[in-house]
Amino acid sequence: MLPTDRKIVPDVIKSPQDLATVTPDISVAEVSALMTKRHIGAILVLEKGRLAGIFTERDALTRVLAKGIDPVKTEVGKVMTANPDTIQPTESVQTALDLMAERGYRHLPVIEDGKLYGIISIRDLYRSVKQQMEEDILLLAEMLIQS
């Protein structure tokens, strides 16, 4: 299998994720503290249980700090990326990589049947491609040794 033919589920997301989510009314300062505590670069914003947006480190930098906006007084819903692009669990790693490269994303929510399934990062995709390449190299080496 080509590394980029791998599927989002189960090749990138192998088990249920412990997703960090917030509501749009939480402050940017609180969201940033949660992201720092969880060591994550993006957080999903849910409204009435549905994906409303995504807030990333880049959003904090470009939409809040660089503009001198007070993160304590600013709700994340005002500065998040609303209605973000998403990907289905059955899509390929190649599709995710293409979308991320084309649009400049580093995180992509995964949606199945309109419901939040998870989130993938460029780092997750890298690990998946690397793992498949390593498996392919070992398989080729075995084939060469046996012939």
Protein backbone atom coordinates (compact mmCIF):
# COMPACT_ATOMS: atom_id res chain seq x y z
CA MET A 1 0.00 0.00 0.00
CA LEU A 2 1.23 3.48 -0.72
CA PRO A 3 1.67 5.49 2.47
CA THR A 4 -0.76 8.11 1.21
CA ASP A 5 -3.43 5.47 0.49
CA ARG A 6 -3.88 4.86 4.19
CA LYS A 7 -7.26 5.87 5.62
CA ILE A 8 -7.87 8.42 8.35
CA VAL A 9 -9.54 5.64 10.38
CA PRO A 10 -7.99 3.24 11.35
CA ASP A 11 -4.54 4.21 10.05
CA VAL A 12 -4.25 7.69 11.59
CA ILE A 13 -6.91 7.60 14.30
CA LYS A 14 -6.51 4.12 15.75
CA SER A 15 -8.73 4.43 18.83
CA PRO A 16 -11.24 6.90 20.25
CA GLN A 17 -9.65 10.25 20.96
CA ASP A 18 -9.91 12.15 24.22
CA LEU A 19 -11.01 15.33 22.50
CA ALA A 20 -10.65 18.73 24.06
CA THR A 21 -13.66 20.85 23.17
CA VAL A 22 -15.01 24.18 24.36
CA THR A 23 -18.07 26.34 23.79
CA PRO A 24 -17.89 29.67 21.93
CA ASP A 25 -18.46 31.74 25.07
CA ILE A 26 -15.24 30.72 26.86
CA SER A 27 -12.45 33.30 26.90
CA VAL A 28 -9.39 33.02 24.68
CA ALA A 29 -7.25 33.09 27.84
CA GLU A 30 -9.09 30.05 29.26
CA VAL A 31 -8.89 28.20 25.96
CA SER A 32 -5.18 28.97 25.66
CA ALA A 33 -4.58 27.65 29.19
CA LEU A 34 -6.46 24.44 28.34
CA MET A 35 -4.50 24.00 25.12
CA THR A 36 -1.25 24.51 27.04
CA LYS A 37 -2.28 22.03 29.74
CA ARG A 38 -3.25 19.41 27.15
CA HIS A 39 -0.21 20.10 24.92
CA ILE A 40 -2.38 20.63 21.85
CA GLY A 41 -2.20 23.18 19.06
CA ALA A 42 -5.90 23.32 18.25
CA ILE A 43 -9.20 22.96 20.03
CA LEU A 44 -12.64 22.28 18.63
CA VAL A 45 -15.46 24.68 19.43
CA LEU A 46 -18.87 23.05 19.83
CA GLU A 47 -22.24 24.74 19.95
CA LYS A 48 -25.21 22.58 20.95
CA GLY A 49 -23.06 19.50 20.43
CA ARG A 50 -22.16 20.40 16.85
CA LEU A 51 -18.85 21.62 15.45
CA ALA A 52 -19.02 25.41 15.22
CA GLY A 53 -15.34 26.16 14.74
CA ILE A 54 -11.73 25.49 15.49
CA PHE A 55 -9.30 27.65 17.43
CA THR A 56 -5.59 27.19 16.86
CA GLU A 57 -2.31 28.56 18.13
CA ARG A 58 -2.12 30.51 14.88
CA ASP A 59 -5.54 32.08 15.59
CA ALA A 60 -4.33 33.15 19.03
CA LEU A 61 -1.27 34.76 17.51
CA THR A 62 -2.75 36.43 14.42
CA ARG A 63 -6.31 37.23 15.50
CA VAL A 64 -5.74 38.11 19.16
CA LEU A 65 -2.17 38.91 20.21
CA ALA A 66 -0.99 40.60 17.00
CA LYS A 67 -4.08 42.83 17.04
CA GLY A 68 -3.73 43.77 20.70
CA ILE A 69 -7.06 42.17 21.64
CA ASP A 70 -7.50 41.27 25.31
CA PRO A 71 -7.59 37.45 25.55
CA VAL A 72 -9.25 37.59 28.97
CA LYS A 73 -12.21 39.62 27.66
CA THR A 74 -12.49 38.01 24.23
CA GLU A 75 -14.71 34.99 23.65
CA VAL A 76 -13.18 32.27 21.49
CA GLY A 77 -16.31 32.32 19.31
CA LYS A 78 -15.35 35.81 18.13
CA VAL A 79 -11.89 34.80 16.89
CA MET A 80 -12.18 31.12 15.95
CA THR A 81 -12.27 29.80 12.41
CA ALA A 82 -16.00 29.25 12.02
CA ASN A 83 -17.39 26.34 9.99
CA PRO A 84 -13.99 24.80 9.33
CA ASP A 85 -13.34 22.37 6.54
CA THR A 86 -13.59 18.78 7.71
CA ILE A 87 -12.69 15.32 6.51
CA GLN A 88 -14.47 11.95 6.72
CA PRO A 89 -12.90 8.97 8.53
CA THR A 90 -12.93 6.97 5.28
CA GLU A 91 -10.87 9.53 3.36
CA SER A 92 -7.24 8.86 2.52
CA VAL A 93 -4.19 10.38 4.09
CA GLN A 94 -3.43 11.83 0.63
CA THR A 95 -6.76 13.69 0.60
CA ALA A 96 -6.04 15.14 4.04
CA LEU A 97 -2.49 16.13 3.08
CA ASP A 98 -3.69 17.80 -0.13
CA LEU A 99 -6.38 19.77 1.70
CA MET A 100 -3.99 20.86 4.44
CA ALA A 101 -1.31 21.91 1.93
CA GLU A 102 -3.75 23.74 -0.33
CA ARG A 103 -5.41 25.67 2.47
CA GLY A 104 -2.49 26.05 4.88
CA TYR A 105 -4.00 24.02 7.72
CA ARG A 106 -2.16 22.06 10.38
CA HIS A 107 -5.29 20.58 12.00
CA LEU A 108 -8.42 19.12 10.46
CA PRO A 109 -11.60 17.99 12.24
CA VAL A 110 -12.89 14.54 11.34
CA ILE A 111 -16.67 14.31 10.94
CA GLU A 112 -18.79 11.20 10.40
CA ASP A 113 -22.51 11.46 9.60
CA GLY A 114 -22.53 15.07 10.81
CA LYS A 115 -21.01 14.14 14.17
CA LEU A 116 -17.57 14.95 15.51
CA TYR A 117 -15.32 11.90 15.30
CA GLY A 118 -11.91 13.39 16.02
CA ILE A 119 -9.17 15.71 14.85
CA ILE A 120 -5.97 15.06 12.93
CA SER A 121 -2.81 17.11 12.71
CA ILE A 122 -0.09 17.29 10.12
CA ARG A 123 2.10 15.51 12.69
CA ASP A 124 -0.40 12.61 12.85
CA LEU A 125 -0.33 12.28 9.07
CA TYR A 126 3.47 12.37 9.02
CA ARG A 127 3.62 9.54 11.58
CA SER A 128 1.19 7.44 9.55
CA VAL A 129 3.09 7.91 6.27
CA LYS A 130 6.41 7.21 8.00
CA GLN A 131 5.08 4.04 9.60
CA GLN A 132 3.79 2.71 6.27
CA MET A 133 7.09 3.51 4.56
CA GLU A 134 9.02 1.66 7.27
CA GLU A 135 6.71 -1.36 6.93
CA ASP A 136 7.14 -1.31 3.14
CA ILE A 137 10.94 -1.16 3.42
CA LEU A 138 10.96 -4.16 5.77
CA LEU A 139 8.69 -6.08 3.42
CA LEU A 140 10.91 -5.29 0.44
CA ALA A 141 14.02 -6.31 2.39
CA GLU A 142 12.39 -9.63 3.29
CA MET A 143 11.45 -10.20 -0.34
CA LEU A 144 15.00 -9.46 -1.49
CA ILE A 145 16.49 -11.79 1.11
CA GLN A 146 14.15 -14.62 0.11
CA SER A 147 14.84 -14.31 -3.62
